[in-house]
Amino acid sequence: MDQFLLYSAFLCAILALILSLYAGARVGQMIKASKDLDWDAVANMTGDLATTKKTIQTLNNRINGMHSPKIADQELMLQLLQNRQPQQSNGSMKQVGG
């Protein structure tokens, strides 16, 4: 049992070392890639991201507005009945269809 714990701890340490070297290499690549980046480019990217975010928010608001009813269904039915009653009282209307 002691041997198992020793080897598993050793394996975990080796794995942690490999992952930390991999993370260090990725950070190095990111620093190298952003070395030529100046503040004007950062400001332009920030502005572009803000514009994109605002566009996405506007689109989401439009989509959400399509699903939420503005007027309750009962009010619509009431208006339909009120508009239909004067037409039915007029005897000169000819009924077409079913």
C-alpha atoms as a PDB file:
ATOM      1  CA  MET A   1       0.000   0.000   0.000  1.00  0.00           C
ATOM      2  CA  ASP A   2       2.865   2.358   0.793  1.00  0.00           C
ATOM      3  CA  GLN A   3       4.405   1.701  -2.610  1.00  0.00           C
ATOM      4  CA  PHE A   4       1.126   2.566  -4.330  1.00  0.00           C
ATOM      5  CA  LEU A   5       0.902   5.905  -2.503  1.00  0.00           C
ATOM      6  CA  LEU A   6       4.531   6.683  -3.298  1.00  0.00           C
ATOM      7  CA  TYR A   7       4.154   5.966  -7.011  1.00  0.00           C
ATOM      8  CA  SER A   8       0.806   7.768  -7.297  1.00  0.00           C
ATOM      9  CA  ALA A   9       2.271  10.866  -5.617  1.00  0.00           C
ATOM     10  CA  PHE A  10       5.272  10.693  -7.956  1.00  0.00           C
ATOM     11  CA  LEU A  11       2.977  10.358 -10.972  1.00  0.00           C
ATOM     12  CA  CYS A  12       0.882  13.346  -9.829  1.00  0.00           C
ATOM     13  CA  ALA A  13       4.040  15.431  -9.392  1.00  0.00           C
ATOM     14  CA  ILE A  14       5.267  14.547 -12.897  1.00  0.00           C
ATOM     15  CA  LEU A  15       1.847  15.369 -14.342  1.00  0.00           C
ATOM     16  CA  ALA A  16       1.793  18.720 -12.514  1.00  0.00           C
ATOM     17  CA  LEU A  17       5.274  19.528 -13.846  1.00  0.00           C
ATOM     18  CA  ILE A  18       4.235  18.739 -17.423  1.00  0.00           C
ATOM     19  CA  LEU A  19       1.060  20.830 -17.154  1.00  0.00           C
ATOM     20  CA  SER A  20       2.943  23.781 -15.656  1.00  0.00           C
ATOM     21  CA  LEU A  21       5.535  23.656 -18.459  1.00  0.00           C
ATOM     22  CA  TYR A  22       2.714  23.560 -21.010  1.00  0.00           C
ATOM     23  CA  ALA A  23       1.005  26.562 -19.365  1.00  0.00           C
ATOM     24  CA  GLY A  24       4.316  28.450 -19.281  1.00  0.00           C
ATOM     25  CA  ALA A  25       4.850  27.802 -22.983  1.00  0.00           C
ATOM     26  CA  ARG A  26       1.343  29.093 -23.778  1.00  0.00           C
ATOM     27  CA  VAL A  27       1.907  32.246 -21.729  1.00  0.00           C
ATOM     28  CA  GLY A  28       5.210  32.777 -23.550  1.00  0.00           C
ATOM     29  CA  GLN A  29       3.471  32.460 -26.915  1.00  0.00           C
ATOM     30  CA  MET A  30       0.822  34.970 -25.843  1.00  0.00           C
ATOM     31  CA  ILE A  31       3.433  37.464 -24.675  1.00  0.00           C
ATOM     32  CA  LYS A  32       5.369  37.055 -27.922  1.00  0.00           C
ATOM     33  CA  ALA A  33       2.197  37.528 -29.992  1.00  0.00           C
ATOM     34  CA  SER A  34       1.172  40.670 -28.116  1.00  0.00           C
ATOM     35  CA  LYS A  35       4.638  42.229 -28.071  1.00  0.00           C
ATOM     36  CA  ASP A  36       3.946  44.472 -31.085  1.00  0.00           C
ATOM     37  CA  LEU A  37       0.528  45.475 -29.803  1.00  0.00           C
ATOM     38  CA  ASP A  38       0.272  49.188 -29.089  1.00  0.00           C
ATOM     39  CA  TRP A  39      -2.331  51.156 -27.148  1.00  0.00           C
ATOM     40  CA  ASP A  40      -4.087  52.391 -30.292  1.00  0.00           C
ATOM     41  CA  ALA A  41      -4.722  48.825 -31.378  1.00  0.00           C
ATOM     42  CA  VAL A  42      -6.014  47.955 -27.901  1.00  0.00           C
ATOM     43  CA  ALA A  43      -8.340  50.987 -27.992  1.00  0.00           C
ATOM     44  CA  ASN A  44      -9.625  49.975 -31.441  1.00  0.00           C
ATOM     45  CA  MET A  45     -10.264  46.408 -30.293  1.00  0.00           C
ATOM     46  CA  THR A  46     -12.071  47.675 -27.199  1.00  0.00           C
ATOM     47  CA  GLY A  47     -14.287  49.899 -29.331  1.00  0.00           C
ATOM     48  CA  ASP A  48     -15.011  47.060 -31.748  1.00  0.00           C
ATOM     49  CA  LEU A  49     -15.925  44.750 -28.876  1.00  0.00           C
ATOM     50  CA  ALA A  50     -18.232  47.371 -27.366  1.00  0.00           C
ATOM     51  CA  THR A  51     -19.961  47.859 -30.724  1.00  0.00           C
ATOM     52  CA  THR A  52     -20.384  44.117 -31.170  1.00  0.00           C
ATOM     53  CA  LYS A  53     -21.747  43.758 -27.635  1.00  0.00           C
ATOM     54  CA  LYS A  54     -24.275  46.552 -28.211  1.00  0.00           C
ATOM     55  CA  THR A  55     -25.390  44.950 -31.489  1.00  0.00           C
ATOM     56  CA  ILE A  56     -25.869  41.572 -29.808  1.00  0.00           C
ATOM     57  CA  GLN A  57     -27.829  43.163 -26.949  1.00  0.00           C
ATOM     58  CA  THR A  58     -30.084  44.975 -29.434  1.00  0.00           C
ATOM     59  CA  LEU A  59     -30.697  41.756 -31.354  1.00  0.00           C
ATOM     60  CA  ASN A  60     -31.478  39.851 -28.155  1.00  0.00           C
ATOM     61  CA  ASN A  61     -33.920  42.579 -27.089  1.00  0.00           C
ATOM     62  CA  ARG A  62     -35.671  42.354 -30.450  1.00  0.00           C
ATOM     63  CA  ILE A  63     -35.884  38.577 -30.243  1.00  0.00           C
ATOM     64  CA  ASN A  64     -37.187  38.722 -26.661  1.00  0.00           C
ATOM     65  CA  GLY A  65     -39.716  41.346 -27.698  1.00  0.00           C
ATOM     66  CA  MET A  66     -41.121  39.017 -30.336  1.00  0.00           C
ATOM     67  CA  HIS A  67     -41.973  36.416 -27.728  1.00  0.00           C
ATOM     68  CA  SER A  68     -43.529  38.671 -25.105  1.00  0.00           C
ATOM     69  CA  PRO A  69     -47.052  39.858 -25.891  1.00  0.00           C
ATOM     70  CA  LYS A  70     -47.605  43.619 -25.739  1.00  0.00           C
ATOM     71  CA  ILE A  71     -51.369  43.411 -25.279  1.00  0.00           C
ATOM     72  CA  ALA A  72     -53.134  40.732 -23.304  1.00  0.00           C
ATOM     73  CA  ASP A  73     -55.113  38.172 -25.293  1.00  0.00           C
ATOM     74  CA  GLN A  74     -58.338  39.061 -23.504  1.00  0.00           C
ATOM     75  CA  GLU A  75     -58.038  42.689 -24.577  1.00  0.00           C
ATOM     76  CA  LEU A  76     -57.536  41.594 -28.186  1.00  0.00           C
ATOM     77  CA  MET A  77     -60.612  39.386 -28.054  1.00  0.00           C
ATOM     78  CA  LEU A  78     -62.637  42.222 -26.541  1.00  0.00           C
ATOM     79  CA  GLN A  79     -61.556  44.594 -29.310  1.00  0.00           C
ATOM     80  CA  LEU A  80     -62.394  41.977 -31.935  1.00  0.00           C
ATOM     81  CA  LEU A  81     -65.880  41.506 -30.477  1.00  0.00           C
ATOM     82  CA  GLN A  82     -66.462  45.264 -30.287  1.00  0.00           C
ATOM     83  CA  ASN A  83     -65.391  45.744 -33.896  1.00  0.00           C
ATOM     84  CA  ARG A  84     -67.514  42.817 -35.038  1.00  0.00           C
ATOM     85  CA  GLN A  85     -70.773  43.892 -33.352  1.00  0.00           C
ATOM     86  CA  PRO A  86     -71.395  46.987 -35.539  1.00  0.00           C
ATOM     87  CA  GLN A  87     -70.847  44.910 -38.676  1.00  0.00           C
ATOM     88  CA  GLN A  88     -73.406  42.319 -37.574  1.00  0.00           C
ATOM     89  CA  SER A  89     -76.017  44.971 -36.792  1.00  0.00           C
ATOM     90  CA  ASN A  90     -75.798  46.332 -40.344  1.00  0.00           C
ATOM     91  CA  GLY A  91     -78.281  44.227 -42.322  1.00  0.00           C
ATOM     92  CA  SER A  92     -76.956  45.171 -45.766  1.00  0.00           C
ATOM     93  CA  MET A  93     -73.768  43.135 -45.243  1.00  0.00           C
ATOM     94  CA  LYS A  94     -73.690  39.964 -47.265  1.00  0.00           C
ATOM     95  CA  GLN A  95     -72.136  36.982 -45.555  1.00  0.00           C
ATOM     96  CA  VAL A  96     -69.670  35.061 -47.688  1.00  0.00           C
ATOM     97  CA  GLY A  97     -68.409  31.581 -46.880  1.00  0.00           C
ATOM     98  CA  GLY A  98     -69.209  28.946 -44.316  1.00  0.00           C
END
